[in-house]
Amino acid sequence: MLGRPWGLSRAWWAALGGGAVLATGLVSPLEALEVLSETADPLALLVGMMFLSAVADEGGFFDWSASLALRAGGGRVRRLFVVGCLVSAVLSLDATAIVLTPIVYGASPAWS
């Protein structure tokens, strides 16, 4: 999955894994629907956050914010860590991961 065999995205491999679990009977379709209904709210939140992150990425927000963080930090990683702590204090950890990961990823070429 990490190597993306045959050029397939991770989503296809996850779907194939889910299908294999259902096909082998490890989880019944009724159990799968039950879990989906119990976790619908958090899943909707995460999907919505990923959608907004994708839109923000297309608009260049993460590259802009990474360059801003690097300029403000003066090359010091500790300031980016403080930003992460502040975002975590205000938002959930899931939001922090979804928001800060592209920023750190965008800043990483500048650190090397």
C-alpha atoms as a PDB file:
ATOM      1  CA  MET A   1       0.000   0.000   0.000  1.00  0.00           C
ATOM      2  CA  LEU A   2       2.769   2.444   0.862  1.00  0.00           C
ATOM      3  CA  GLY A   3       4.565   1.727  -2.387  1.00  0.00           C
ATOM      4  CA  ARG A   4       1.357   2.182  -4.400  1.00  0.00           C
ATOM      5  CA  PRO A   5       1.643  -0.969  -6.504  1.00  0.00           C
ATOM      6  CA  TRP A   6       0.221  -0.611  -9.990  1.00  0.00           C
ATOM      7  CA  GLY A   7      -0.220   3.116  -9.349  1.00  0.00           C
ATOM      8  CA  LEU A   8      -3.379   2.597  -7.279  1.00  0.00           C
ATOM      9  CA  SER A   9      -4.098   5.127  -4.553  1.00  0.00           C
ATOM     10  CA  ARG A  10      -4.343   4.149  -0.904  1.00  0.00           C
ATOM     11  CA  ALA A  11      -8.126   4.446  -1.052  1.00  0.00           C
ATOM     12  CA  TRP A  12      -8.349   1.493  -3.451  1.00  0.00           C
ATOM     13  CA  TRP A  13      -6.200  -0.669  -1.194  1.00  0.00           C
ATOM     14  CA  ALA A  14      -8.309   0.251   1.831  1.00  0.00           C
ATOM     15  CA  ALA A  15     -11.487  -0.604  -0.095  1.00  0.00           C
ATOM     16  CA  LEU A  16     -10.005  -3.909  -1.207  1.00  0.00           C
ATOM     17  CA  GLY A  17      -9.041  -4.694   2.397  1.00  0.00           C
ATOM     18  CA  GLY A  18     -12.546  -3.898   3.587  1.00  0.00           C
ATOM     19  CA  GLY A  19     -14.004  -6.051   0.847  1.00  0.00           C
ATOM     20  CA  ALA A  20     -11.685  -8.917   1.796  1.00  0.00           C
ATOM     21  CA  VAL A  21     -12.782  -8.687   5.439  1.00  0.00           C
ATOM     22  CA  LEU A  22     -16.426  -8.860   4.341  1.00  0.00           C
ATOM     23  CA  ALA A  23     -15.773 -11.629   1.787  1.00  0.00           C
ATOM     24  CA  THR A  24     -13.976 -13.842   4.301  1.00  0.00           C
ATOM     25  CA  GLY A  25     -16.742 -13.423   6.852  1.00  0.00           C
ATOM     26  CA  LEU A  26     -14.546 -11.856   9.517  1.00  0.00           C
ATOM     27  CA  VAL A  27     -17.144  -9.088   9.695  1.00  0.00           C
ATOM     28  CA  SER A  28     -20.725  -9.489   8.545  1.00  0.00           C
ATOM     29  CA  PRO A  29     -22.340  -6.816   6.368  1.00  0.00           C
ATOM     30  CA  LEU A  30     -24.770  -6.113   9.212  1.00  0.00           C
ATOM     31  CA  GLU A  31     -21.867  -5.517  11.629  1.00  0.00           C
ATOM     32  CA  ALA A  32     -20.173  -3.231   9.110  1.00  0.00           C
ATOM     33  CA  LEU A  33     -23.357  -1.165   8.686  1.00  0.00           C
ATOM     34  CA  GLU A  34     -23.785  -1.038  12.460  1.00  0.00           C
ATOM     35  CA  VAL A  35     -20.266   0.346  12.922  1.00  0.00           C
ATOM     36  CA  LEU A  36     -20.797   2.858  10.118  1.00  0.00           C
ATOM     37  CA  SER A  37     -24.036   4.086  11.680  1.00  0.00           C
ATOM     38  CA  GLU A  38     -22.411   4.390  15.128  1.00  0.00           C
ATOM     39  CA  THR A  39     -19.474   6.364  13.756  1.00  0.00           C
ATOM     40  CA  ALA A  40     -21.320   8.432  11.144  1.00  0.00           C
ATOM     41  CA  ASP A  41     -20.851  11.770  12.937  1.00  0.00           C
ATOM     42  CA  PRO A  42     -17.074  11.541  13.431  1.00  0.00           C
ATOM     43  CA  LEU A  43     -16.646  10.142   9.933  1.00  0.00           C
ATOM     44  CA  ALA A  44     -18.652  13.026   8.463  1.00  0.00           C
ATOM     45  CA  LEU A  45     -16.507  15.485  10.435  1.00  0.00           C
ATOM     46  CA  LEU A  46     -13.268  13.946   9.183  1.00  0.00           C
ATOM     47  CA  VAL A  47     -14.477  13.746   5.583  1.00  0.00           C
ATOM     48  CA  GLY A  48     -15.586  17.383   5.758  1.00  0.00           C
ATOM     49  CA  MET A  49     -12.250  18.458   7.228  1.00  0.00           C
ATOM     50  CA  MET A  50     -10.366  16.551   4.543  1.00  0.00           C
ATOM     51  CA  PHE A  51     -12.530  18.184   1.879  1.00  0.00           C
ATOM     52  CA  LEU A  52     -11.851  21.656   3.288  1.00  0.00           C
ATOM     53  CA  SER A  53      -8.141  20.822   3.540  1.00  0.00           C
ATOM     54  CA  ALA A  54      -8.116  19.740  -0.104  1.00  0.00           C
ATOM     55  CA  VAL A  55      -9.804  22.985  -1.147  1.00  0.00           C
ATOM     56  CA  ALA A  56      -7.339  24.998   0.957  1.00  0.00           C
ATOM     57  CA  ASP A  57      -4.432  23.083  -0.571  1.00  0.00           C
ATOM     58  CA  GLU A  58      -5.659  23.788  -4.091  1.00  0.00           C
ATOM     59  CA  GLY A  59      -5.798  27.473  -3.178  1.00  0.00           C
ATOM     60  CA  GLY A  60      -2.195  27.394  -1.953  1.00  0.00           C
ATOM     61  CA  PHE A  61      -3.082  28.037   1.685  1.00  0.00           C
ATOM     62  CA  PHE A  62      -0.715  25.446   3.134  1.00  0.00           C
ATOM     63  CA  ASP A  63       2.278  26.563   1.083  1.00  0.00           C
ATOM     64  CA  TRP A  64       1.561  30.165   2.072  1.00  0.00           C
ATOM     65  CA  SER A  65       1.135  29.339   5.754  1.00  0.00           C
ATOM     66  CA  ALA A  66       4.279  27.165   5.743  1.00  0.00           C
ATOM     67  CA  SER A  67       6.327  30.021   4.286  1.00  0.00           C
ATOM     68  CA  LEU A  68       4.779  32.408   6.803  1.00  0.00           C
ATOM     69  CA  ALA A  69       5.587  30.054   9.696  1.00  0.00           C
ATOM     70  CA  LEU A  70       9.159  29.628   8.477  1.00  0.00           C
ATOM     71  CA  ARG A  71       9.645  33.388   8.147  1.00  0.00           C
ATOM     72  CA  ALA A  72       8.091  34.045  11.552  1.00  0.00           C
ATOM     73  CA  GLY A  73      10.132  31.272  13.137  1.00  0.00           C
ATOM     74  CA  GLY A  74      13.397  32.567  11.795  1.00  0.00           C
ATOM     75  CA  GLY A  75      14.473  29.009  11.079  1.00  0.00           C
ATOM     76  CA  ARG A  76      13.572  27.795  14.566  1.00  0.00           C
ATOM     77  CA  VAL A  77      11.467  24.646  14.673  1.00  0.00           C
ATOM     78  CA  ARG A  78      10.384  25.396  18.242  1.00  0.00           C
ATOM     79  CA  ARG A  79       8.070  28.189  17.049  1.00  0.00           C
ATOM     80  CA  LEU A  80       6.305  25.814  14.674  1.00  0.00           C
ATOM     81  CA  PHE A  81       5.941  23.432  17.622  1.00  0.00           C
ATOM     82  CA  VAL A  82       4.298  26.253  19.640  1.00  0.00           C
ATOM     83  CA  VAL A  83       1.873  26.858  16.769  1.00  0.00           C
ATOM     84  CA  GLY A  84       1.031  23.141  16.831  1.00  0.00           C
ATOM     85  CA  CYS A  85       0.395  23.319  20.572  1.00  0.00           C
ATOM     86  CA  LEU A  86      -1.892  26.326  20.157  1.00  0.00           C
ATOM     87  CA  VAL A  87      -3.846  24.671  17.346  1.00  0.00           C
ATOM     88  CA  SER A  88      -4.169  21.519  19.473  1.00  0.00           C
ATOM     89  CA  ALA A  89      -5.428  23.547  22.416  1.00  0.00           C
ATOM     90  CA  VAL A  90      -8.147  25.161  20.306  1.00  0.00           C
ATOM     91  CA  LEU A  91      -9.040  22.326  17.930  1.00  0.00           C
ATOM     92  CA  SER A  92      -9.222  18.566  18.298  1.00  0.00           C
ATOM     93  CA  LEU A  93      -6.195  16.378  17.660  1.00  0.00           C
ATOM     94  CA  ASP A  94      -7.790  15.203  14.417  1.00  0.00           C
ATOM     95  CA  ALA A  95      -8.108  18.795  13.249  1.00  0.00           C
ATOM     96  CA  THR A  96      -4.523  19.460  14.257  1.00  0.00           C
ATOM     97  CA  ALA A  97      -3.296  16.498  12.239  1.00  0.00           C
ATOM     98  CA  ILE A  98      -5.317  17.470   9.189  1.00  0.00           C
ATOM     99  CA  VAL A  99      -4.421  21.164   9.361  1.00  0.00           C
ATOM    100  CA  LEU A 100      -0.760  21.020  10.408  1.00  0.00           C
ATOM    101  CA  THR A 101       0.426  18.013   8.403  1.00  0.00           C
ATOM    102  CA  PRO A 102       0.260  19.805   5.033  1.00  0.00           C
ATOM    103  CA  ILE A 103       1.890  22.882   6.581  1.00  0.00           C
ATOM    104  CA  VAL A 104       4.806  20.861   7.940  1.00  0.00           C
ATOM    105  CA  TYR A 105       5.017  18.938   4.676  1.00  0.00           C
ATOM    106  CA  GLY A 106       5.110  22.198   2.745  1.00  0.00           C
ATOM    107  CA  ALA A 107       7.835  23.541   5.024  1.00  0.00           C
ATOM    108  CA  SER A 108       9.987  20.408   5.000  1.00  0.00           C
ATOM    109  CA  PRO A 109      11.898  21.145   1.739  1.00  0.00           C
ATOM    110  CA  ALA A 110      13.014  24.429   3.265  1.00  0.00           C
ATOM    111  CA  TRP A 111      14.523  22.601   6.274  1.00  0.00           C
ATOM    112  CA  SER A 112      16.693  20.265   4.234  1.00  0.00           C
END
